[in-house]
Amino acid sequence: VIDHPEAMNSFEEFIHALQIIPRYSSGKFLTLGLLEAMFPAVQARLTV
């Protein structure tokens, strides 16, 4: 976002995160909605 704010699609990282988060634990233990909402929130905060 800092380097290329116009080109950013925060949901691309969301998909990668879903694949990695369960590693080293017994399951996906982050609220999906919270995780999904946080990526665009970070993007918005950095580009407002």
ModelCIF file with pLDDT and N, C-alpha, C, O atoms, coordinates in Angstrom:
data_MODEL
#
_entry.id   MODEL 
#
_entity.id                         1 
_entity.type                       polymer 
_entity.pdbx_number_of_molecules   1 
#
_entity_poly.entity_id                      1 
_entity_poly.type                           'polypeptide(L)' 
_entity_poly.nstd_linkage                   no 
_entity_poly.nstd_monomer                   no 
_entity_poly.pdbx_seq_one_letter_code       VIDHPEAMNSFEEFIHALQIIPRYSSGKFLTLGLLEAMFPAVQARLTV 
_entity_poly.pdbx_seq_one_letter_code_can   VIDHPEAMNSFEEFIHALQIIPRYSSGKFLTLGLLEAMFPAVQARLTV 
_entity_poly.pdbx_strand_id                 A 
#
loop_
_entity_poly_seq.entity_id 
_entity_poly_seq.num 
_entity_poly_seq.mon_id 
_entity_poly_seq.hetero 
1 1  VAL n 
1 2  ILE n 
1 3  ASP n 
1 4  HIS n 
1 5  PRO n 
1 6  GLU n 
1 7  ALA n 
1 8  MET n 
1 9  ASN n 
1 10 SER n 
1 11 PHE n 
1 12 GLU n 
1 13 GLU n 
1 14 PHE n 
1 15 ILE n 
1 16 HIS n 
1 17 ALA n 
1 18 LEU n 
1 19 GLN n 
1 20 ILE n 
1 21 ILE n 
1 22 PRO n 
1 23 ARG n 
1 24 TYR n 
1 25 SER n 
1 26 SER n 
1 27 GLY n 
1 28 LYS n 
1 29 PHE n 
1 30 LEU n 
1 31 THR n 
1 32 LEU n 
1 33 GLY n 
1 34 LEU n 
1 35 LEU n 
1 36 GLU n 
1 37 ALA n 
1 38 MET n 
1 39 PHE n 
1 40 PRO n 
1 41 ALA n 
1 42 VAL n 
1 43 GLN n 
1 44 ALA n 
1 45 ARG n 
1 46 LEU n 
1 47 THR n 
1 48 VAL n 
#
_struct_asym.id          A 
_struct_asym.entity_id   1 
#
loop_
_ma_qa_metric.id 
_ma_qa_metric.mode 
_ma_qa_metric.name 
_ma_qa_metric.software_group_id 
_ma_qa_metric.type 
1 global pLDDT . pLDDT 
2 local  pLDDT . pLDDT 
#
_ma_qa_metric_global.metric_id      1 
_ma_qa_metric_global.metric_value   76.17 
_ma_qa_metric_global.model_id       1 
_ma_qa_metric_global.ordinal_id     1 
#
loop_
_ma_qa_metric_local.label_asym_id 
_ma_qa_metric_local.label_comp_id 
_ma_qa_metric_local.label_seq_id 
_ma_qa_metric_local.metric_id 
_ma_qa_metric_local.metric_value 
_ma_qa_metric_local.model_id 
_ma_qa_metric_local.ordinal_id 
A VAL 1  2 86.00 1 1  
A ILE 2  2 88.00 1 2  
A ASP 3  2 89.00 1 3  
A HIS 4  2 84.00 1 4  
A PRO 5  2 76.00 1 5  
A GLU 6  2 75.00 1 6  
A ALA 7  2 70.00 1 7  
A MET 8  2 68.00 1 8  
A ASN 9  2 73.00 1 9  
A SER 10 2 68.00 1 10 
A PHE 11 2 73.00 1 11 
A GLU 12 2 75.00 1 12 
A GLU 13 2 79.00 1 13 
A PHE 14 2 80.00 1 14 
A ILE 15 2 80.00 1 15 
A HIS 16 2 78.00 1 16 
A ALA 17 2 79.00 1 17 
A LEU 18 2 77.00 1 18 
A GLN 19 2 76.00 1 19 
A ILE 20 2 73.00 1 20 
A ILE 21 2 70.00 1 21 
A PRO 22 2 65.00 1 22 
A ARG 23 2 63.00 1 23 
A TYR 24 2 57.00 1 24 
A SER 25 2 57.00 1 25 
A SER 26 2 58.00 1 26 
A GLY 27 2 58.00 1 27 
A LYS 28 2 52.00 1 28 
A PHE 29 2 56.00 1 29 
A LEU 30 2 61.00 1 30 
A THR 31 2 64.00 1 31 
A LEU 32 2 71.00 1 32 
A GLY 33 2 75.00 1 33 
A LEU 34 2 78.00 1 34 
A LEU 35 2 80.00 1 35 
A GLU 36 2 82.00 1 36 
A ALA 37 2 85.00 1 37 
A MET 38 2 87.00 1 38 
A PHE 39 2 86.00 1 39 
A PRO 40 2 89.00 1 40 
A ALA 41 2 89.00 1 41 
A VAL 42 2 89.00 1 42 
A GLN 43 2 88.00 1 43 
A ALA 44 2 90.00 1 44 
A ARG 45 2 90.00 1 45 
A LEU 46 2 89.00 1 46 
A THR 47 2 89.00 1 47 
A VAL 48 2 91.00 1 48 
#
loop_
_atom_site.group_PDB 
_atom_site.id 
_atom_site.type_symbol 
_atom_site.label_atom_id 
_atom_site.label_alt_id 
_atom_site.label_comp_id 
_atom_site.label_asym_id 
_atom_site.label_entity_id 
_atom_site.label_seq_id 
_atom_site.pdbx_PDB_ins_code 
_atom_site.Cartn_x 
_atom_site.Cartn_y 
_atom_site.Cartn_z 
_atom_site.occupancy 
_atom_site.B_iso_or_equiv 
_atom_site.pdbx_formal_charge 
_atom_site.auth_seq_id 
_atom_site.auth_comp_id 
_atom_site.auth_asym_id 
_atom_site.auth_atom_id 
_atom_site.pdbx_PDB_model_num 
ATOM 1   N N  . VAL A 1 1  ? 0.838   -1.204  0.000  1.00 86.00 ? 1  VAL A N  1 
ATOM 2   C CA . VAL A 1 1  ? 0.000   0.000   0.000  1.00 86.00 ? 1  VAL A CA 1 
ATOM 3   C C  . VAL A 1 1  ? 0.873   1.254   0.000  1.00 86.00 ? 1  VAL A C  1 
ATOM 4   O O  . VAL A 1 1  ? 0.587   2.216   -0.713 1.00 86.00 ? 1  VAL A O  1 
ATOM 5   N N  . ILE A 1 2  ? 1.925   1.240   0.792  1.00 88.00 ? 2  ILE A N  1 
ATOM 6   C CA . ILE A 1 2  ? 2.805   2.407   0.877  1.00 88.00 ? 2  ILE A CA 1 
ATOM 7   C C  . ILE A 1 2  ? 3.530   2.635   -0.453 1.00 88.00 ? 2  ILE A C  1 
ATOM 8   O O  . ILE A 1 2  ? 3.660   3.774   -0.900 1.00 88.00 ? 2  ILE A O  1 
ATOM 9   N N  . ASP A 1 3  ? 3.999   1.560   -1.082 1.00 89.00 ? 3  ASP A N  1 
ATOM 10  C CA . ASP A 1 3  ? 4.750   1.682   -2.339 1.00 89.00 ? 3  ASP A CA 1 
ATOM 11  C C  . ASP A 1 3  ? 3.862   1.897   -3.564 1.00 89.00 ? 3  ASP A C  1 
ATOM 12  O O  . ASP A 1 3  ? 4.225   2.653   -4.464 1.00 89.00 ? 3  ASP A O  1 
ATOM 13  N N  . HIS A 1 4  ? 2.706   1.242   -3.605 1.00 84.00 ? 4  HIS A N  1 
ATOM 14  C CA . HIS A 1 4  ? 1.824   1.274   -4.786 1.00 84.00 ? 4  HIS A CA 1 
ATOM 15  C C  . HIS A 1 4  ? 0.354   1.309   -4.362 1.00 84.00 ? 4  HIS A C  1 
ATOM 16  O O  . HIS A 1 4  ? -0.357  0.328   -4.582 1.00 84.00 ? 4  HIS A O  1 
ATOM 17  N N  . PRO A 1 5  ? -0.118  2.384   -3.771 1.00 76.00 ? 5  PRO A N  1 
ATOM 18  C CA . PRO A 1 5  ? -1.482  2.403   -3.232 1.00 76.00 ? 5  PRO A CA 1 
ATOM 19  C C  . PRO A 1 5  ? -2.578  2.165   -4.275 1.00 76.00 ? 5  PRO A C  1 
ATOM 20  O O  . PRO A 1 5  ? -3.614  1.580   -3.957 1.00 76.00 ? 5  PRO A O  1 
ATOM 21  N N  . GLU A 1 6  ? -2.362  2.608   -5.509 1.00 75.00 ? 6  GLU A N  1 
ATOM 22  C CA . GLU A 1 6  ? -3.397  2.447   -6.541 1.00 75.00 ? 6  GLU A CA 1 
ATOM 23  C C  . GLU A 1 6  ? -3.526  1.000   -7.012 1.00 75.00 ? 6  GLU A C  1 
ATOM 24  O O  . GLU A 1 6  ? -4.599  0.578   -7.444 1.00 75.00 ? 6  GLU A O  1 
ATOM 25  N N  . ALA A 1 7  ? -2.437  0.247   -6.927 1.00 70.00 ? 7  ALA A N  1 
ATOM 26  C CA . ALA A 1 7  ? -2.421  -1.122  -7.449 1.00 70.00 ? 7  ALA A CA 1 
ATOM 27  C C  . ALA A 1 7  ? -2.815  -2.157  -6.398 1.00 70.00 ? 7  ALA A C  1 
ATOM 28  O O  . ALA A 1 7  ? -2.964  -3.335  -6.722 1.00 70.00 ? 7  ALA A O  1 
ATOM 29  N N  . MET A 1 8  ? -2.982  -1.746  -5.178 1.00 68.00 ? 8  MET A N  1 
ATOM 30  C CA . MET A 1 8  ? -3.183  -2.691  -4.085 1.00 68.00 ? 8  MET A CA 1 
ATOM 31  C C  . MET A 1 8  ? -4.553  -3.342  -4.132 1.00 68.00 ? 8  MET A C  1 
ATOM 32  O O  . MET A 1 8  ? -5.571  -2.677  -4.324 1.00 68.00 ? 8  MET A O  1 
ATOM 33  N N  . ASN A 1 9  ? -4.557  -4.657  -3.950 1.00 73.00 ? 9  ASN A N  1 
ATOM 34  C CA . ASN A 1 9  ? -5.788  -5.420  -3.746 1.00 73.00 ? 9  ASN A CA 1 
ATOM 35  C C  . ASN A 1 9  ? -5.582  -6.211  -2.460 1.00 73.00 ? 9  ASN A C  1 
ATOM 36  O O  . ASN A 1 9  ? -4.970  -7.279  -2.471 1.00 73.00 ? 9  ASN A O  1 
ATOM 37  N N  . SER A 1 10 ? -6.091  -5.686  -1.362 1.00 68.00 ? 10 SER A N  1 
ATOM 38  C CA . SER A 1 10 ? -5.841  -6.289  -0.052 1.00 68.00 ? 10 SER A CA 1 
ATOM 39  C C  . SER A 1 10 ? -6.393  -7.705  0.057  1.00 68.00 ? 10 SER A C  1 
ATOM 40  O O  . SER A 1 10 ? -5.931  -8.479  0.895  1.00 68.00 ? 10 SER A O  1 
ATOM 41  N N  . PHE A 1 11 ? -7.351  -8.051  -0.754 1.00 73.00 ? 11 PHE A N  1 
ATOM 42  C CA . PHE A 1 11 ? -7.932  -9.385  -0.655 1.00 73.00 ? 11 PHE A CA 1 
ATOM 43  C C  . PHE A 1 11 ? -6.995  -10.479 -1.194 1.00 73.00 ? 11 PHE A C  1 
ATOM 44  O O  . PHE A 1 11 ? -7.186  -11.656 -0.887 1.00 73.00 ? 11 PHE A O  1 
ATOM 45  N N  . GLU A 1 12 ? -5.996  -10.105 -1.985 1.00 75.00 ? 12 GLU A N  1 
ATOM 46  C CA . GLU A 1 12 ? -4.998  -11.086 -2.422 1.00 75.00 ? 12 GLU A CA 1 
ATOM 47  C C  . GLU A 1 12 ? -4.237  -11.632 -1.223 1.00 75.00 ? 12 GLU A C  1 
ATOM 48  O O  . GLU A 1 12 ? -4.020  -12.839 -1.122 1.00 75.00 ? 12 GLU A O  1 
ATOM 49  N N  . GLU A 1 13 ? -3.831  -10.755 -0.318 1.00 79.00 ? 13 GLU A N  1 
ATOM 50  C CA . GLU A 1 13 ? -3.123  -11.191 0.885  1.00 79.00 ? 13 GLU A CA 1 
ATOM 51  C C  . GLU A 1 13 ? -4.055  -11.951 1.816  1.00 79.00 ? 13 GLU A C  1 
ATOM 52  O O  . GLU A 1 13 ? -3.607  -12.837 2.544  1.00 79.00 ? 13 GLU A O  1 
ATOM 53  N N  . PHE A 1 14 ? -5.313  -11.631 1.807  1.00 80.00 ? 14 PHE A N  1 
ATOM 54  C CA . PHE A 1 14 ? -6.299  -12.350 2.619  1.00 80.00 ? 14 PHE A CA 1 
ATOM 55  C C  . PHE A 1 14 ? -6.312  -13.834 2.244  1.00 80.00 ? 14 PHE A C  1 
ATOM 56  O O  . PHE A 1 14 ? -6.346  -14.697 3.121  1.00 80.00 ? 14 PHE A O  1 
ATOM 57  N N  . ILE A 1 15 ? -6.285  -14.126 0.963  1.00 80.00 ? 15 ILE A N  1 
ATOM 58  C CA . ILE A 1 15 ? -6.284  -15.520 0.497  1.00 80.00 ? 15 ILE A CA 1 
ATOM 59  C C  . ILE A 1 15 ? -5.010  -16.228 0.951  1.00 80.00 ? 15 ILE A C  1 
ATOM 60  O O  . ILE A 1 15 ? -5.065  -17.365 1.420  1.00 80.00 ? 15 ILE A O  1 
ATOM 61  N N  . HIS A 1 16 ? -3.872  -15.565 0.814  1.00 78.00 ? 16 HIS A N  1 
ATOM 62  C CA . HIS A 1 16 ? -2.610  -16.161 1.266  1.00 78.00 ? 16 HIS A CA 1 
ATOM 63  C C  . HIS A 1 16 ? -2.640  -16.410 2.773  1.00 78.00 ? 16 HIS A C  1 
ATOM 64  O O  . HIS A 1 16 ? -2.173  -17.445 3.248  1.00 78.00 ? 16 HIS A O  1 
ATOM 65  N N  . ALA A 1 17 ? -3.184  -15.471 3.508  1.00 79.00 ? 17 ALA A N  1 
ATOM 66  C CA . ALA A 1 17 ? -3.264  -15.614 4.964  1.00 79.00 ? 17 ALA A CA 1 
ATOM 67  C C  . ALA A 1 17 ? -4.114  -16.826 5.352  1.00 79.00 ? 17 ALA A C  1 
ATOM 68  O O  . ALA A 1 17 ? -3.761  -17.561 6.274  1.00 79.00 ? 17 ALA A O  1 
ATOM 69  N N  . LEU A 1 18 ? -5.215  -17.033 4.664  1.00 77.00 ? 18 LEU A N  1 
ATOM 70  C CA . LEU A 1 18 ? -6.070  -18.190 4.967  1.00 77.00 ? 18 LEU A CA 1 
ATOM 71  C C  . LEU A 1 18 ? -5.324  -19.511 4.793  1.00 77.00 ? 18 LEU A C  1 
ATOM 72  O O  . LEU A 1 18 ? -5.609  -20.485 5.489  1.00 77.00 ? 18 LEU A O  1 
ATOM 73  N N  . GLN A 1 19 ? -4.383  -19.542 3.876  1.00 76.00 ? 19 GLN A N  1 
ATOM 74  C CA . GLN A 1 19 ? -3.621  -20.766 3.631  1.00 76.00 ? 19 GLN A CA 1 
ATOM 75  C C  . GLN A 1 19 ? -2.558  -21.016 4.695  1.00 76.00 ? 19 GLN A C  1 
ATOM 76  O O  . GLN A 1 19 ? -2.228  -22.169 4.972  1.00 76.00 ? 19 GLN A O  1 
ATOM 77  N N  . ILE A 1 20 ? -2.025  -19.972 5.288  1.00 73.00 ? 20 ILE A N  1 
ATOM 78  C CA . ILE A 1 20 ? -0.904  -20.087 6.217  1.00 73.00 ? 20 ILE A CA 1 
ATOM 79  C C  . ILE A 1 20 ? -1.335  -20.112 7.674  1.00 73.00 ? 20 ILE A C  1 
ATOM 80  O O  . ILE A 1 20 ? -0.699  -20.791 8.481  1.00 73.00 ? 20 ILE A O  1 
ATOM 81  N N  . ILE A 1 21 ? -2.365  -19.414 8.031  1.00 70.00 ? 21 ILE A N  1 
ATOM 82  C CA . ILE A 1 21 ? -2.755  -19.247 9.432  1.00 70.00 ? 21 ILE A CA 1 
ATOM 83  C C  . ILE A 1 21 ? -2.874  -20.564 10.202 1.00 70.00 ? 21 ILE A C  1 
ATOM 84  O O  . ILE A 1 21 ? -2.453  -20.605 11.358 1.00 70.00 ? 21 ILE A O  1 
ATOM 85  N N  . PRO A 1 22 ? -3.416  -21.632 9.639  1.00 65.00 ? 22 PRO A N  1 
ATOM 86  C CA . PRO A 1 22 ? -3.572  -22.857 10.440 1.00 65.00 ? 22 PRO A CA 1 
ATOM 87  C C  . PRO A 1 22 ? -2.271  -23.586 10.768 1.00 65.00 ? 22 PRO A C  1 
ATOM 88  O O  . PRO A 1 22 ? -2.266  -24.477 11.617 1.00 65.00 ? 22 PRO A O  1 
ATOM 89  N N  . ARG A 1 23 ? -1.175  -23.225 10.114 1.00 63.00 ? 23 ARG A N  1 
ATOM 90  C CA . ARG A 1 23 ? 0.087   -23.932 10.362 1.00 63.00 ? 23 ARG A CA 1 
ATOM 91  C C  . ARG A 1 23 ? 0.516   -23.762 11.812 1.00 63.00 ? 23 ARG A C  1 
ATOM 92  O O  . ARG A 1 23 ? 0.378   -22.686 12.394 1.00 63.00 ? 23 ARG A O  1 
ATOM 93  N N  . TYR A 1 24 ? 1.026   -24.816 12.372 1.00 57.00 ? 24 TYR A N  1 
ATOM 94  C CA . TYR A 1 24 ? 1.545   -24.845 13.739 1.00 57.00 ? 24 TYR A CA 1 
ATOM 95  C C  . TYR A 1 24 ? 0.453   -24.717 14.798 1.00 57.00 ? 24 TYR A C  1 
ATOM 96  O O  . TYR A 1 24 ? 0.746   -24.427 15.957 1.00 57.00 ? 24 TYR A O  1 
ATOM 97  N N  . SER A 1 25 ? -0.773  -24.925 14.419 1.00 57.00 ? 25 SER A N  1 
ATOM 98  C CA . SER A 1 25 ? -1.868  -24.950 15.385 1.00 57.00 ? 25 SER A CA 1 
ATOM 99  C C  . SER A 1 25 ? -2.860  -26.008 14.927 1.00 57.00 ? 25 SER A C  1 
ATOM 100 O O  . SER A 1 25 ? -2.699  -26.596 13.857 1.00 57.00 ? 25 SER A O  1 
ATOM 101 N N  . SER A 1 26 ? -3.879  -26.249 15.731 1.00 58.00 ? 26 SER A N  1 
ATOM 102 C CA . SER A 1 26 ? -4.812  -27.325 15.405 1.00 58.00 ? 26 SER A CA 1 
ATOM 103 C C  . SER A 1 26 ? -5.960  -26.867 14.507 1.00 58.00 ? 26 SER A C  1 
ATOM 104 O O  . SER A 1 26 ? -6.852  -27.660 14.203 1.00 58.00 ? 26 SER A O  1 
ATOM 105 N N  . GLY A 1 27 ? -5.955  -25.613 14.079 1.00 58.00 ? 27 GLY A N  1 
ATOM 106 C CA . GLY A 1 27 ? -7.022  -25.166 13.193 1.00 58.00 ? 27 GLY A CA 1 
ATOM 107 C C  . GLY A 1 27 ? -6.933  -23.683 12.904 1.00 58.00 ? 27 GLY A C  1 
ATOM 108 O O  . GLY A 1 27 ? -6.014  -23.007 13.367 1.00 58.00 ? 27 GLY A O  1 
ATOM 109 N N  . LYS A 1 28 ? -7.900  -23.167 12.128 1.00 52.00 ? 28 LYS A N  1 
ATOM 110 C CA . LYS A 1 28 ? -7.963  -21.741 11.785 1.00 52.00 ? 28 LYS A CA 1 
ATOM 111 C C  . LYS A 1 28 ? -8.670  -21.015 12.908 1.00 52.00 ? 28 LYS A C  1 
ATOM 112 O O  . LYS A 1 28 ? -9.900  -20.987 12.946 1.00 52.00 ? 28 LYS A O  1 
ATOM 113 N N  . PHE A 1 29 ? -7.938  -20.445 13.796 1.00 56.00 ? 29 PHE A N  1 
ATOM 114 C CA . PHE A 1 29 ? -8.556  -19.854 14.968 1.00 56.00 ? 29 PHE A CA 1 
ATOM 115 C C  . PHE A 1 29 ? -8.453  -18.338 14.986 1.00 56.00 ? 29 PHE A C  1 
ATOM 116 O O  . PHE A 1 29 ? -8.064  -17.744 15.991 1.00 56.00 ? 29 PHE A O  1 
ATOM 117 N N  . LEU A 1 30 ? -8.794  -17.733 13.895 1.00 61.00 ? 30 LEU A N  1 
ATOM 118 C CA . LEU A 1 30 ? -9.064  -16.308 13.833 1.00 61.00 ? 30 LEU A CA 1 
ATOM 119 C C  . LEU A 1 30 ? -10.453 -16.198 13.241 1.00 61.00 ? 30 LEU A C  1 
ATOM 120 O O  . LEU A 1 30 ? -10.814 -16.954 12.338 1.00 61.00 ? 30 LEU A O  1 
ATOM 121 N N  . THR A 1 31 ? -11.218 -15.275 13.738 1.00 64.00 ? 31 THR A N  1 
ATOM 122 C CA . THR A 1 31 ? -12.542 -15.081 13.190 1.00 64.00 ? 31 THR A CA 1 
ATOM 123 C C  . THR A 1 31 ? -12.417 -14.668 11.729 1.00 64.00 ? 31 THR A C  1 
ATOM 124 O O  . THR A 1 31 ? -11.781 -13.661 11.418 1.00 64.00 ? 31 THR A O  1 
ATOM 125 N N  . LEU A 1 32 ? -13.016 -15.436 10.841 1.00 71.00 ? 32 LEU A N  1 
ATOM 126 C CA . LEU A 1 32 ? -12.909 -15.188 9.406  1.00 71.00 ? 32 LEU A CA 1 
ATOM 127 C C  . LEU A 1 32 ? -13.342 -13.764 9.059  1.00 71.00 ? 32 LEU A C  1 
ATOM 128 O O  . LEU A 1 32 ? -12.663 -13.081 8.292  1.00 71.00 ? 32 LEU A O  1 
ATOM 129 N N  . GLY A 1 33 ? -14.447 -13.319 9.609  1.00 75.00 ? 33 GLY A N  1 
ATOM 130 C CA . GLY A 1 33 ? -14.934 -11.970 9.320  1.00 75.00 ? 33 GLY A CA 1 
ATOM 131 C C  . GLY A 1 33 ? -13.977 -10.894 9.794  1.00 75.00 ? 33 GLY A C  1 
ATOM 132 O O  . GLY A 1 33 ? -13.783 -9.884  9.119  1.00 75.00 ? 33 GLY A O  1 
ATOM 133 N N  . LEU A 1 34 ? -13.381 -11.113 10.955 1.00 78.00 ? 34 LEU A N  1 
ATOM 134 C CA . LEU A 1 34 ? -12.406 -10.157 11.478 1.00 78.00 ? 34 LEU A CA 1 
ATOM 135 C C  . LEU A 1 34 ? -11.183 -10.103 10.573 1.00 78.00 ? 34 LEU A C  1 
ATOM 136 O O  . LEU A 1 34 ? -10.686 -9.022  10.257 1.00 78.00 ? 34 LEU A O  1 
ATOM 137 N N  . LEU A 1 35 ? -10.709 -11.245 10.165 1.00 80.00 ? 35 LEU A N  1 
ATOM 138 C CA . LEU A 1 35 ? -9.557  -11.315 9.269  1.00 80.00 ? 35 LEU A CA 1 
ATOM 139 C C  . LEU A 1 35 ? -9.882  -10.645 7.934  1.00 80.00 ? 35 LEU A C  1 
ATOM 140 O O  . LEU A 1 35 ? -9.087  -9.857  7.421  1.00 80.00 ? 35 LEU A O  1 
ATOM 141 N N  . GLU A 1 36 ? -11.034 -10.956 7.382  1.00 82.00 ? 36 GLU A N  1 
ATOM 142 C CA . GLU A 1 36 ? -11.434 -10.396 6.095  1.00 82.00 ? 36 GLU A CA 1 
ATOM 143 C C  . GLU A 1 36 ? -11.576 -8.877  6.161  1.00 82.00 ? 36 GLU A C  1 
ATOM 144 O O  . GLU A 1 36 ? -11.201 -8.177  5.221  1.00 82.00 ? 36 GLU A O  1 
ATOM 145 N N  . ALA A 1 37 ? -12.110 -8.372  7.255  1.00 85.00 ? 37 ALA A N  1 
ATOM 146 C CA . ALA A 1 37 ? -12.311 -6.926  7.397  1.00 85.00 ? 37 ALA A CA 1 
ATOM 147 C C  . ALA A 1 37 ? -11.010 -6.175  7.650  1.00 85.00 ? 37 ALA A C  1 
ATOM 148 O O  . ALA A 1 37 ? -10.890 -5.007  7.280  1.00 85.00 ? 37 ALA A O  1 
ATOM 149 N N  . MET A 1 38 ? -10.039 -6.829  8.275  1.00 87.00 ? 38 MET A N  1 
ATOM 150 C CA . MET A 1 38 ? -8.828  -6.129  8.676  1.00 87.00 ? 38 MET A CA 1 
ATOM 151 C C  . MET A 1 38 ? -7.949  -5.744  7.485  1.00 87.00 ? 38 MET A C  1 
ATOM 152 O O  . MET A 1 38 ? -7.287  -4.708  7.536  1.00 87.00 ? 38 MET A O  1 
ATOM 153 N N  . PHE A 1 39 ? -7.920  -6.540  6.419  1.00 86.00 ? 39 PHE A N  1 
ATOM 154 C CA . PHE A 1 39 ? -7.077  -6.194  5.268  1.00 86.00 ? 39 PHE A CA 1 
ATOM 155 C C  . PHE A 1 39 ? -7.506  -4.881  4.620  1.00 86.00 ? 39 PHE A C  1 
ATOM 156 O O  . PHE A 1 39 ? -6.659  -4.005  4.447  1.00 86.00 ? 39 PHE A O  1 
ATOM 157 N N  . PRO A 1 40 ? -8.772  -4.696  4.252  1.00 89.00 ? 40 PRO A N  1 
ATOM 158 C CA . PRO A 1 40 ? -9.147  -3.397  3.686  1.00 89.00 ? 40 PRO A CA 1 
ATOM 159 C C  . PRO A 1 40 ? -9.057  -2.267  4.714  1.00 89.00 ? 40 PRO A C  1 
ATOM 160 O O  . PRO A 1 40 ? -8.837  -1.116  4.339  1.00 89.00 ? 40 PRO A O  1 
ATOM 161 N N  . ALA A 1 41 ? -9.224  -2.576  6.003  1.00 89.00 ? 41 ALA A N  1 
ATOM 162 C CA . ALA A 1 41 ? -9.086  -1.542  7.033  1.00 89.00 ? 41 ALA A CA 1 
ATOM 163 C C  . ALA A 1 41 ? -7.655  -1.017  7.082  1.00 89.00 ? 41 ALA A C  1 
ATOM 164 O O  . ALA A 1 41 ? -7.436  0.187   7.209  1.00 89.00 ? 41 ALA A O  1 
ATOM 165 N N  . VAL A 1 42 ? -6.688  -1.915  6.983  1.00 89.00 ? 42 VAL A N  1 
ATOM 166 C CA . VAL A 1 42 ? -5.284  -1.504  6.951  1.00 89.00 ? 42 VAL A CA 1 
ATOM 167 C C  . VAL A 1 42 ? -5.020  -0.664  5.702  1.00 89.00 ? 42 VAL A C  1 
ATOM 168 O O  . VAL A 1 42 ? -4.383  0.387   5.779  1.00 89.00 ? 42 VAL A O  1 
ATOM 169 N N  . GLN A 1 43 ? -5.508  -1.128  4.558  1.00 88.00 ? 43 GLN A N  1 
ATOM 170 C CA . GLN A 1 43 ? -5.321  -0.384  3.317  1.00 88.00 ? 43 GLN A CA 1 
ATOM 171 C C  . GLN A 1 43 ? -5.955  1.001   3.425  1.00 88.00 ? 43 GLN A C  1 
ATOM 172 O O  . GLN A 1 43 ? -5.346  1.991   3.018  1.00 88.00 ? 43 GLN A O  1 
ATOM 173 N N  . ALA A 1 44 ? -7.149  1.081   3.958  1.00 90.00 ? 44 ALA A N  1 
ATOM 174 C CA . ALA A 1 44 ? -7.834  2.373   4.086  1.00 90.00 ? 44 ALA A CA 1 
ATOM 175 C C  . ALA A 1 44 ? -7.086  3.301   5.031  1.00 90.00 ? 44 ALA A C  1 
ATOM 176 O O  . ALA A 1 44 ? -6.931  4.491   4.753  1.00 90.00 ? 44 ALA A O  1 
ATOM 177 N N  . ARG A 1 45 ? -6.632  2.763   6.128  1.00 90.00 ? 45 ARG A N  1 
ATOM 178 C CA . ARG A 1 45 ? -5.911  3.594   7.110  1.00 90.00 ? 45 ARG A CA 1 
ATOM 179 C C  . ARG A 1 45 ? -4.634  4.176   6.511  1.00 90.00 ? 45 ARG A C  1 
ATOM 180 O O  . ARG A 1 45 ? -4.279  5.319   6.800  1.00 90.00 ? 45 ARG A O  1 
ATOM 181 N N  . LEU A 1 46 ? -3.954  3.413   5.694  1.00 89.00 ? 46 LEU A N  1 
ATOM 182 C CA . LEU A 1 46 ? -2.690  3.870   5.111  1.00 89.00 ? 46 LEU A CA 1 
ATOM 183 C C  . LEU A 1 46 ? -2.871  4.803   3.916  1.00 89.00 ? 46 LEU A C  1 
ATOM 184 O O  . LEU A 1 46 ? -1.921  5.474   3.511  1.00 89.00 ? 46 LEU A O  1 
ATOM 185 N N  . THR A 1 47 ? -4.067  4.857   3.351  1.00 89.00 ? 47 THR A N  1 
ATOM 186 C CA . THR A 1 47 ? -4.281  5.684   2.154  1.00 89.00 ? 47 THR A CA 1 
ATOM 187 C C  . THR A 1 47 ? -5.285  6.813   2.358  1.00 89.00 ? 47 THR A C  1 
ATOM 188 O O  . THR A 1 47 ? -5.549  7.571   1.425  1.00 89.00 ? 47 THR A O  1 
ATOM 189 N N  . VAL A 1 48 ? -5.840  6.939   3.536  1.00 91.00 ? 48 VAL A N  1 
ATOM 190 C CA . VAL A 1 48 ? -6.803  8.014   3.788  1.00 91.00 ? 48 VAL A CA 1 
ATOM 191 C C  . VAL A 1 48 ? -6.105  9.369   3.655  1.00 91.00 ? 48 VAL A C  1 
ATOM 192 O O  . VAL A 1 48 ? -6.738  10.410  3.829  1.00 91.00 ? 48 VAL A O  1 
#
